[in-house]
Amino acid sequence: MAVRASLRDIARLRVLNSGLVPAGTDASNASAGPVEVAQRMLAMQAQDYPGALWSIGVRSPHSTVHDVSAALSSGSLVRSWPMRGTLHITPAEDLAWLLGLCATRAISSAASRRRDLGITDDIVSRTADVLGAALSGGARLPRPDAFALLDGAGIPTTGQRGIHLLALLCQQRVLCQGPMQGTQPTFVLFDEWIPPRPALNRDQALRDLAVRYFRGHGPATLHDLARWSNLGLTDARRGAAAAEQQLERVDCDGGEYWQAADSPGPSSAEARAVARVTHALPGFDEHIIGFRDRSAVLDPRENDRIVPGGNGVFQPTIVDGGVVVGTWRRTSTSTGTRVTPTAFAPVTAALTRRLGRAFASYARFLGQPVKMEPWA
C-alpha cells in the first residue's frame, strides 16, 4: 500500500529525509555530525567548496565550518568526481564503490573533450607515472604544484588539460583530493588515502545506491535517481527492485515516488513542523540539484531566477516549508558577512523572522557576524 502525498508533502518530507532540521527539532538526525550527514546523503555536489561546506553544516546544526573542514582534512570525507563528471563530497568508505559503479559513464562522455584537448592514453599513463612517483609515501600536492610538475615533465596543463587529467585519474581511482591547502585542493594517491573496503558486485552497488539515495533525497522518482547517478533508468529500476524491502512507495497525483521505509509520513508531527521552518541554502544544494524534476520544491516559472541565463550556476536559495521562495547573495566585509535576500513574492513579517534565524545559524556555522540586509 502506497502512502498518499501532495507535492507540498513531498517538499516537506525531502527536508526531513535530507536532515534539514534546525537544532532542537525532534528528529532523529538533528544531532548528526558532518560524517553522518554525508553518510545519509551519500554524495553532495561540491564544485563550490564554501557552499558545499554549508550544505553539510546546515544539516549538522551543532557543527561549525571548522568541523566540516576537519572531516575533510582527516580523510573521513573526501571530495572527488564520483558521478556525472562533477565534484561531490562523499564518505571515504563509499568513494571506491561509487566510482566503480558511476564513473565509467562520465569518463566515456568526456572522451570527445579529451580528444579535443589532445589528451591521449599515453599522456594519461605518463601523468599517472609522474604524479604517482611524486605522491608515493603519503605526499600531497596542491593543484598548482601538480600542474607545474606535469609541465616540467613535458605534459602541458594549459587550456583545461591539467584539470581534465587530474579529474580522470581521480575517476580511475589513481588519485583523489586530499586536505585543502589555503584555497587550493591538494591531490593524494587514492590507495594511500582511501581505506580498503570489501568490493561490491554491481547488483549490490545498485541496491545500495537506491537505498542511500532514497533515504537522503526521498521522496523521489526513479527518473530522479537515474539522472542523479547518470546510470540510466534501467539501472535505477534494477537497484530499486533489489532494495524493495527497504523502500516505501509514495503516490502523488498518480506519480510514483520512493523513500526509505522508516521515513516519516506526510501527516507526521515532524512533517507538519517543517511548514514553519525556513532555510538559507547554498547554491548547488542537493535539495535543488539532486532531482530531475524539481517542481515539488521550485515553481518551474522561477527556474531562470535560480539558474540565471541557464549557465549552470545555481544561486543560493531561500527555502520555506521545503519550497524555494527566493534567493540570497553573500558579500564579505571587513567585519563579517553581509547577506541580501530577494523574494519571489511579497513577504510577511513571520518569514522575515524565520529567515533571520536561518542566517543566525549560518553566522554560528561561520564563526563570524552575518548581517541580513532588507529584502531586495
Protein backbone atom coordinates (compact mmCIF):
# COMPACT_ATOMS: atom_id res chain seq x y z
CA MET A 1 0.00 0.00 0.00
CA ALA A 2 1.49 3.33 -1.07
CA VAL A 3 1.49 6.41 1.11
CA ARG A 4 -0.50 9.26 -0.47
CA ALA A 5 1.02 12.72 -0.53
CA SER A 6 0.70 16.11 -2.20
CA LEU A 7 3.56 17.98 -3.87
CA ARG A 8 3.80 20.15 -0.75
CA ASP A 9 4.12 16.98 1.32
CA ILE A 10 6.91 15.79 -0.97
CA ALA A 11 8.82 19.03 -0.39
CA ARG A 12 8.45 18.79 3.38
CA LEU A 13 9.46 15.13 3.51
CA ARG A 14 12.58 15.90 1.49
CA VAL A 15 13.52 18.47 4.13
CA LEU A 16 13.23 15.83 6.83
CA ASN A 17 14.89 13.00 4.95
CA SER A 18 17.90 15.09 3.94
CA GLY A 19 18.43 16.26 7.52
CA LEU A 20 17.43 19.89 7.00
CA VAL A 21 16.25 20.32 10.59
CA PRO A 22 17.26 23.12 12.95
CA ALA A 23 18.88 22.46 16.29
CA GLY A 24 16.31 21.45 18.89
CA THR A 25 13.96 19.83 16.38
CA ASP A 26 12.57 16.48 17.49
CA ALA A 27 14.08 14.42 14.68
CA SER A 28 16.48 11.50 14.70
CA ASN A 29 19.13 13.30 12.63
CA ALA A 30 19.05 16.65 14.44
CA SER A 31 22.38 15.96 16.19
CA ALA A 32 24.21 14.49 13.17
CA GLY A 33 27.85 15.40 12.67
CA PRO A 34 29.42 16.13 9.26
CA VAL A 35 30.28 12.49 8.54
CA GLU A 36 26.78 11.31 9.48
CA VAL A 37 25.28 13.94 7.17
CA ALA A 38 27.37 12.73 4.25
CA GLN A 39 26.56 9.11 5.05
CA ARG A 40 22.88 9.94 4.92
CA MET A 41 23.17 11.83 1.62
CA LEU A 42 25.82 9.50 0.11
CA ALA A 43 27.15 12.22 -2.23
CA MET A 44 26.72 16.01 -2.16
CA GLN A 45 27.61 18.20 -5.11
CA ALA A 46 30.69 20.23 -4.26
CA GLN A 47 32.22 22.26 -7.09
CA ASP A 48 31.54 25.38 -4.95
CA TYR A 49 33.69 24.45 -1.96
CA PRO A 50 32.43 27.02 0.61
CA GLY A 51 28.85 26.26 -0.43
CA ALA A 52 29.45 22.52 -0.07
CA LEU A 53 30.70 23.04 3.48
CA TRP A 54 27.49 24.92 4.30
CA SER A 55 25.37 22.21 2.62
CA ILE A 56 26.79 19.85 5.24
CA GLY A 57 26.70 22.41 8.03
CA VAL A 58 23.04 23.35 7.54
CA ARG A 59 22.23 19.64 8.08
CA SER A 60 24.50 19.42 11.12
CA PRO A 61 23.14 22.13 13.42
CA HIS A 62 25.85 21.76 16.08
CA SER A 63 28.81 21.79 13.66
CA THR A 64 31.00 24.67 12.50
CA VAL A 65 32.87 25.25 9.27
CA HIS A 66 36.00 24.06 11.08
CA ASP A 67 34.31 20.77 11.99
CA VAL A 68 33.39 20.08 8.36
CA SER A 69 36.85 21.11 7.14
CA ALA A 70 38.41 18.84 9.77
CA ALA A 71 36.39 15.85 8.50
CA LEU A 72 37.78 16.50 5.01
CA SER A 73 41.32 17.06 6.28
CA SER A 74 41.24 13.80 8.24
CA GLY A 75 40.05 11.81 5.23
CA SER A 76 36.72 10.83 6.79
CA LEU A 77 35.07 12.80 3.99
CA VAL A 78 36.55 13.08 0.51
CA ARG A 79 35.96 15.45 -2.40
CA SER A 80 36.26 13.80 -5.79
CA TRP A 81 34.44 13.15 -9.10
CA PRO A 82 32.31 10.04 -8.42
CA MET A 83 29.30 10.90 -10.62
CA ARG A 84 28.33 12.98 -13.66
CA GLY A 85 31.90 14.26 -14.04
CA THR A 86 31.12 16.68 -11.21
CA LEU A 87 32.81 17.22 -7.86
CA HIS A 88 30.99 15.71 -4.87
CA ILE A 89 31.78 15.16 -1.21
CA THR A 90 31.29 11.56 -0.10
CA PRO A 91 32.17 9.46 2.93
CA ALA A 92 35.61 7.94 2.30
CA GLU A 93 34.19 4.46 2.84
CA ASP A 94 31.80 4.89 -0.11
CA LEU A 95 34.03 6.50 -2.70
CA ALA A 96 35.56 3.37 -4.24
CA TRP A 97 32.29 1.56 -4.96
CA LEU A 98 30.60 4.74 -6.18
CA LEU A 99 33.42 5.32 -8.65
CA GLY A 100 33.30 1.71 -9.73
CA LEU A 101 29.57 1.99 -10.38
CA CYS A 102 29.11 5.51 -11.74
CA ALA A 103 32.39 6.86 -13.13
CA THR A 104 32.51 4.81 -16.34
CA ARG A 105 29.73 6.81 -18.00
CA ALA A 106 31.32 10.12 -17.02
CA ILE A 107 34.69 9.01 -18.39
CA SER A 108 33.08 7.91 -21.64
CA SER A 109 31.01 11.06 -22.06
CA ALA A 110 34.14 13.25 -21.71
CA ALA A 111 36.13 11.29 -24.30
CA SER A 112 35.49 13.75 -27.12
CA ARG A 113 36.53 16.66 -24.94
CA ARG A 114 39.78 14.89 -24.08
CA ARG A 115 40.40 14.30 -27.80
CA ASP A 116 39.83 18.00 -28.46
CA LEU A 117 42.42 18.77 -25.79
CA GLY A 118 44.91 16.30 -27.25
CA ILE A 119 44.80 14.04 -24.19
CA THR A 120 45.78 10.53 -25.34
CA ASP A 121 46.01 7.27 -23.42
CA ASP A 122 49.79 7.63 -23.46
CA ILE A 123 49.57 11.10 -21.88
CA VAL A 124 47.21 9.77 -19.20
CA SER A 125 49.64 6.92 -18.43
CA ARG A 126 52.61 9.30 -18.25
CA THR A 127 50.65 11.65 -15.98
CA ALA A 128 49.85 8.77 -13.64
CA ASP A 129 53.52 7.79 -13.53
CA VAL A 130 54.78 11.32 -12.83
CA LEU A 131 52.24 12.06 -10.11
CA GLY A 132 52.45 8.56 -8.67
CA ALA A 133 56.19 8.92 -8.13
CA ALA A 134 55.79 12.39 -6.59
CA LEU A 135 52.97 11.41 -4.23
CA SER A 136 54.15 7.98 -3.10
CA GLY A 137 54.65 7.67 0.64
CA GLY A 138 51.86 9.99 1.73
CA ALA A 139 52.89 13.19 -0.05
CA ARG A 140 50.34 15.84 -1.08
CA LEU A 141 50.48 18.23 -3.99
CA PRO A 142 48.38 21.40 -4.27
CA ARG A 143 46.83 21.71 -7.71
CA PRO A 144 49.21 24.46 -8.97
CA ASP A 145 52.21 22.36 -7.90
CA ALA A 146 50.79 19.30 -9.65
CA PHE A 147 50.38 21.35 -12.82
CA ALA A 148 53.93 22.71 -12.54
CA LEU A 149 55.29 19.19 -12.08
CA LEU A 150 53.46 17.95 -15.17
CA ASP A 151 54.50 20.95 -17.26
CA GLY A 152 58.12 20.29 -16.24
CA ALA A 153 57.76 16.67 -17.37
CA GLY A 154 56.61 17.78 -20.82
CA ILE A 155 52.89 17.25 -20.18
CA PRO A 156 51.20 20.62 -20.85
CA THR A 157 48.36 21.56 -18.48
CA THR A 158 47.13 24.73 -20.18
CA GLY A 159 43.67 25.14 -21.70
CA GLN A 160 41.96 22.91 -19.11
CA ARG A 161 44.21 19.95 -19.94
CA GLY A 162 45.51 19.84 -16.39
CA ILE A 163 42.17 19.67 -14.61
CA HIS A 164 40.86 17.08 -17.10
CA LEU A 165 43.90 14.90 -16.40
CA LEU A 166 43.52 15.20 -12.63
CA ALA A 167 39.79 14.52 -12.75
CA LEU A 168 40.26 11.48 -14.99
CA LEU A 169 42.89 9.98 -12.68
CA CYS A 170 40.53 10.56 -9.75
CA GLN A 171 37.74 8.79 -11.65
CA GLN A 172 40.15 5.92 -12.37
CA ARG A 173 40.98 5.62 -8.65
CA VAL A 174 44.61 6.63 -9.10
CA LEU A 175 44.24 9.96 -7.25
CA CYS A 176 41.72 11.76 -5.08
CA GLN A 177 41.59 15.13 -3.41
CA GLY A 178 43.22 15.41 -0.01
CA PRO A 179 43.12 18.27 2.50
CA MET A 180 42.78 21.84 1.30
CA GLN A 181 45.92 23.99 1.41
CA GLY A 182 44.62 27.50 1.75
CA THR A 183 42.13 27.89 -1.09
CA GLN A 184 43.70 25.14 -3.21
CA PRO A 185 42.81 21.43 -3.17
CA THR A 186 45.66 19.00 -2.76
CA PHE A 187 45.93 15.66 -4.52
CA VAL A 188 46.97 12.37 -2.95
CA LEU A 189 47.24 8.76 -4.07
CA PHE A 190 43.86 7.03 -3.85
CA ASP A 191 45.18 3.81 -2.33
CA GLU A 192 47.08 5.70 0.36
CA TRP A 193 44.16 7.97 1.31
CA ILE A 194 41.08 5.78 0.96
CA PRO A 195 40.83 2.83 3.38
CA PRO A 196 40.32 -0.53 1.67
CA ARG A 197 36.77 -1.93 1.78
CA PRO A 198 35.24 -5.19 0.62
CA ALA A 199 34.28 -4.88 -3.03
CA LEU A 200 30.61 -4.79 -4.02
CA ASN A 201 29.36 -6.55 -7.11
CA ARG A 202 27.21 -4.49 -9.47
CA ASP A 203 23.88 -5.73 -8.10
CA GLN A 204 24.94 -4.94 -4.54
CA ALA A 205 26.15 -1.50 -5.58
CA LEU A 206 22.90 -0.70 -7.42
CA ARG A 207 20.88 -1.79 -4.40
CA ASP A 208 22.97 0.31 -2.00
CA LEU A 209 22.80 3.28 -4.35
CA ALA A 210 19.00 3.12 -4.42
CA VAL A 211 18.66 2.71 -0.65
CA ARG A 212 21.05 5.54 0.13
CA TYR A 213 19.67 7.94 -2.49
CA PHE A 214 16.04 7.49 -1.45
CA ARG A 215 16.96 7.69 2.25
CA GLY A 216 18.66 11.07 1.88
CA HIS A 217 16.68 12.53 -1.04
CA GLY A 218 13.27 10.86 -0.92
CA PRO A 219 10.52 11.00 -1.79
CA ALA A 220 11.96 10.92 -5.30
CA THR A 221 11.28 9.10 -8.55
CA LEU A 222 13.28 6.50 -10.43
CA HIS A 223 13.90 9.20 -13.07
CA ASP A 224 15.41 11.37 -10.32
CA LEU A 225 17.74 8.54 -9.28
CA ALA A 226 18.69 7.85 -12.90
CA ARG A 227 19.55 11.49 -13.50
CA TRP A 228 21.39 11.94 -10.19
CA SER A 229 23.60 8.91 -10.71
CA ASN A 230 23.73 9.26 -14.51
CA LEU A 231 23.33 5.48 -14.75
CA GLY A 232 20.09 5.46 -16.72
CA LEU A 233 16.58 4.28 -15.95
CA THR A 234 17.25 0.56 -16.40
CA ASP A 235 19.87 0.54 -13.65
CA ALA A 236 17.70 2.76 -11.42
CA ARG A 237 14.84 0.25 -11.72
CA ARG A 238 17.21 -2.63 -11.06
CA GLY A 239 18.57 -1.02 -7.90
CA ALA A 240 15.13 -0.10 -6.57
CA ALA A 241 13.82 -3.61 -7.22
CA ALA A 242 16.72 -5.10 -5.27
CA ALA A 243 16.02 -2.66 -2.40
CA GLU A 244 12.25 -3.13 -2.43
CA GLN A 245 12.04 -4.33 1.19
CA GLN A 246 13.88 -1.23 2.41
CA LEU A 247 11.79 1.28 0.47
CA GLU A 248 8.28 2.71 0.72
CA ARG A 249 6.23 3.88 -2.26
CA VAL A 250 4.67 7.33 -2.10
CA ASP A 251 1.86 8.22 -4.52
CA CYS A 252 1.49 11.86 -5.56
CA ASP A 253 -1.16 12.70 -8.15
CA GLY A 254 -0.57 9.36 -9.83
CA GLY A 255 3.22 9.76 -9.82
CA GLU A 256 5.33 7.10 -8.13
CA TYR A 257 7.91 8.27 -5.60
CA TRP A 258 10.11 6.32 -3.19
CA GLN A 259 11.62 6.94 0.23
CA ALA A 260 13.22 4.78 2.91
CA ALA A 261 10.70 2.52 4.61
CA ASP A 262 11.33 4.05 8.03
CA SER A 263 10.97 7.66 6.84
CA PRO A 264 8.36 9.97 8.43
CA GLY A 265 4.96 10.11 6.76
CA PRO A 266 3.24 13.22 5.36
CA SER A 267 0.93 13.51 8.37
CA SER A 268 3.67 13.06 10.98
CA ALA A 269 4.36 15.75 13.56
CA GLU A 270 7.83 16.24 12.07
CA ALA A 271 6.41 16.90 8.60
CA ARG A 272 3.88 19.39 9.97
CA ALA A 273 6.65 21.22 11.84
CA VAL A 274 8.63 21.72 8.62
CA ALA A 275 5.94 24.13 7.42
CA ARG A 276 7.28 26.61 9.98
CA VAL A 277 10.99 26.23 9.14
CA THR A 278 12.99 28.46 6.77
CA HIS A 279 16.45 27.65 5.42
CA ALA A 280 19.13 29.68 3.63
CA LEU A 281 20.72 27.08 1.37
CA PRO A 282 23.86 27.49 -0.72
CA GLY A 283 23.91 27.22 -4.48
CA PHE A 284 24.12 23.65 -5.80
CA ASP A 285 22.48 22.26 -2.67
CA GLU A 286 21.06 18.75 -3.04
CA HIS A 287 17.56 19.97 -2.11
CA ILE A 288 17.51 21.68 -5.50
CA ILE A 289 20.08 19.96 -7.68
CA GLY A 290 19.52 16.37 -6.56
CA PHE A 291 16.43 15.82 -8.74
CA ARG A 292 15.49 15.66 -12.39
CA ASP A 293 12.04 17.08 -11.59
CA ARG A 294 12.26 19.99 -9.14
CA SER A 295 8.60 21.00 -9.35
CA ALA A 296 7.86 19.84 -5.77
CA VAL A 297 10.29 22.41 -4.36
CA LEU A 298 10.53 25.02 -7.11
CA ASP A 299 7.86 26.65 -9.25
CA PRO A 300 9.06 25.99 -12.83
CA ARG A 301 8.33 29.63 -13.64
CA GLU A 302 11.16 30.59 -11.28
CA ASN A 303 13.82 28.34 -12.85
CA ASP A 304 15.57 31.25 -14.53
CA ARG A 305 15.92 33.03 -11.20
CA ILE A 306 17.74 30.01 -9.74
CA VAL A 307 20.00 29.50 -12.78
CA PRO A 308 20.14 32.93 -14.47
CA GLY A 309 20.77 32.64 -18.19
CA GLY A 310 20.78 28.85 -17.99
CA ASN A 311 24.55 28.94 -17.41
CA GLY A 312 24.58 26.02 -14.96
CA VAL A 313 25.45 28.18 -11.94
CA PHE A 314 22.82 27.68 -9.22
CA GLN A 315 22.09 30.61 -6.93
CA PRO A 316 21.76 30.25 -3.14
CA THR A 317 18.10 29.78 -2.26
CA ILE A 318 15.66 30.67 0.49
CA VAL A 319 13.51 27.62 1.26
CA ASP A 320 10.35 27.97 3.36
CA GLY A 321 8.46 24.84 4.31
CA GLY A 322 10.56 22.94 1.78
CA VAL A 323 9.67 25.26 -1.13
CA VAL A 324 12.00 27.80 -2.75
CA VAL A 325 10.63 31.30 -2.16
CA GLY A 326 13.65 33.42 -3.05
CA THR A 327 17.41 33.71 -3.45
CA TRP A 328 20.18 35.39 -1.49
CA ARG A 329 23.66 36.68 -2.12
CA ARG A 330 26.64 36.95 0.17
CA THR A 331 29.19 39.75 0.39
CA SER A 332 32.30 39.57 2.57
CA THR A 333 33.05 42.67 4.62
CA SER A 334 35.85 43.74 6.95
CA THR A 335 33.67 42.83 9.93
CA GLY A 336 32.00 39.64 8.71
CA THR A 337 29.44 38.80 6.06
CA ARG A 338 26.51 40.70 4.59
CA VAL A 339 23.60 38.77 3.07
CA THR A 340 20.89 40.25 0.87
CA PRO A 341 17.68 38.24 0.29
CA THR A 342 15.44 38.53 -2.75
CA ALA A 343 11.87 37.20 -2.67
CA PHE A 344 9.77 35.77 -5.48
CA ALA A 345 6.55 37.12 -3.91
CA PRO A 346 5.50 39.61 -1.20
CA VAL A 347 6.99 38.60 2.15
CA THR A 348 5.47 38.50 5.61
CA ALA A 349 7.00 39.61 8.87
CA ALA A 350 6.92 35.97 10.01
CA LEU A 351 9.00 34.85 7.02
CA THR A 352 11.50 37.63 7.68
CA ARG A 353 11.86 36.49 11.30
CA ARG A 354 12.35 32.87 10.27
CA LEU A 355 14.94 33.86 7.68
CA GLY A 356 16.73 35.89 10.33
CA ARG A 357 17.01 32.72 12.43
CA ALA A 358 18.35 30.84 9.41
CA PHE A 359 21.08 33.42 8.90
CA ALA A 360 21.85 33.35 12.63
CA SER A 361 22.58 29.63 12.19
CA TYR A 362 24.80 30.50 9.25
CA ALA A 363 26.69 33.02 11.39
CA ARG A 364 27.22 30.43 14.11
CA PHE A 365 28.50 27.96 11.49
CA LEU A 366 30.95 30.50 10.03
CA GLY A 367 32.01 31.80 13.43
CA GLN A 368 31.60 35.41 12.30
CA PRO A 369 28.85 38.05 12.24
CA VAL A 370 26.30 37.83 9.44
CA LYS A 371 24.21 40.93 8.80
CA MET A 372 20.94 40.44 6.99
CA GLU A 373 20.06 43.38 4.74
CA PRO A 374 16.45 44.33 3.85
CA TRP A 375 14.79 42.30 1.12
CA ALA A 376 15.93 43.44 -2.33
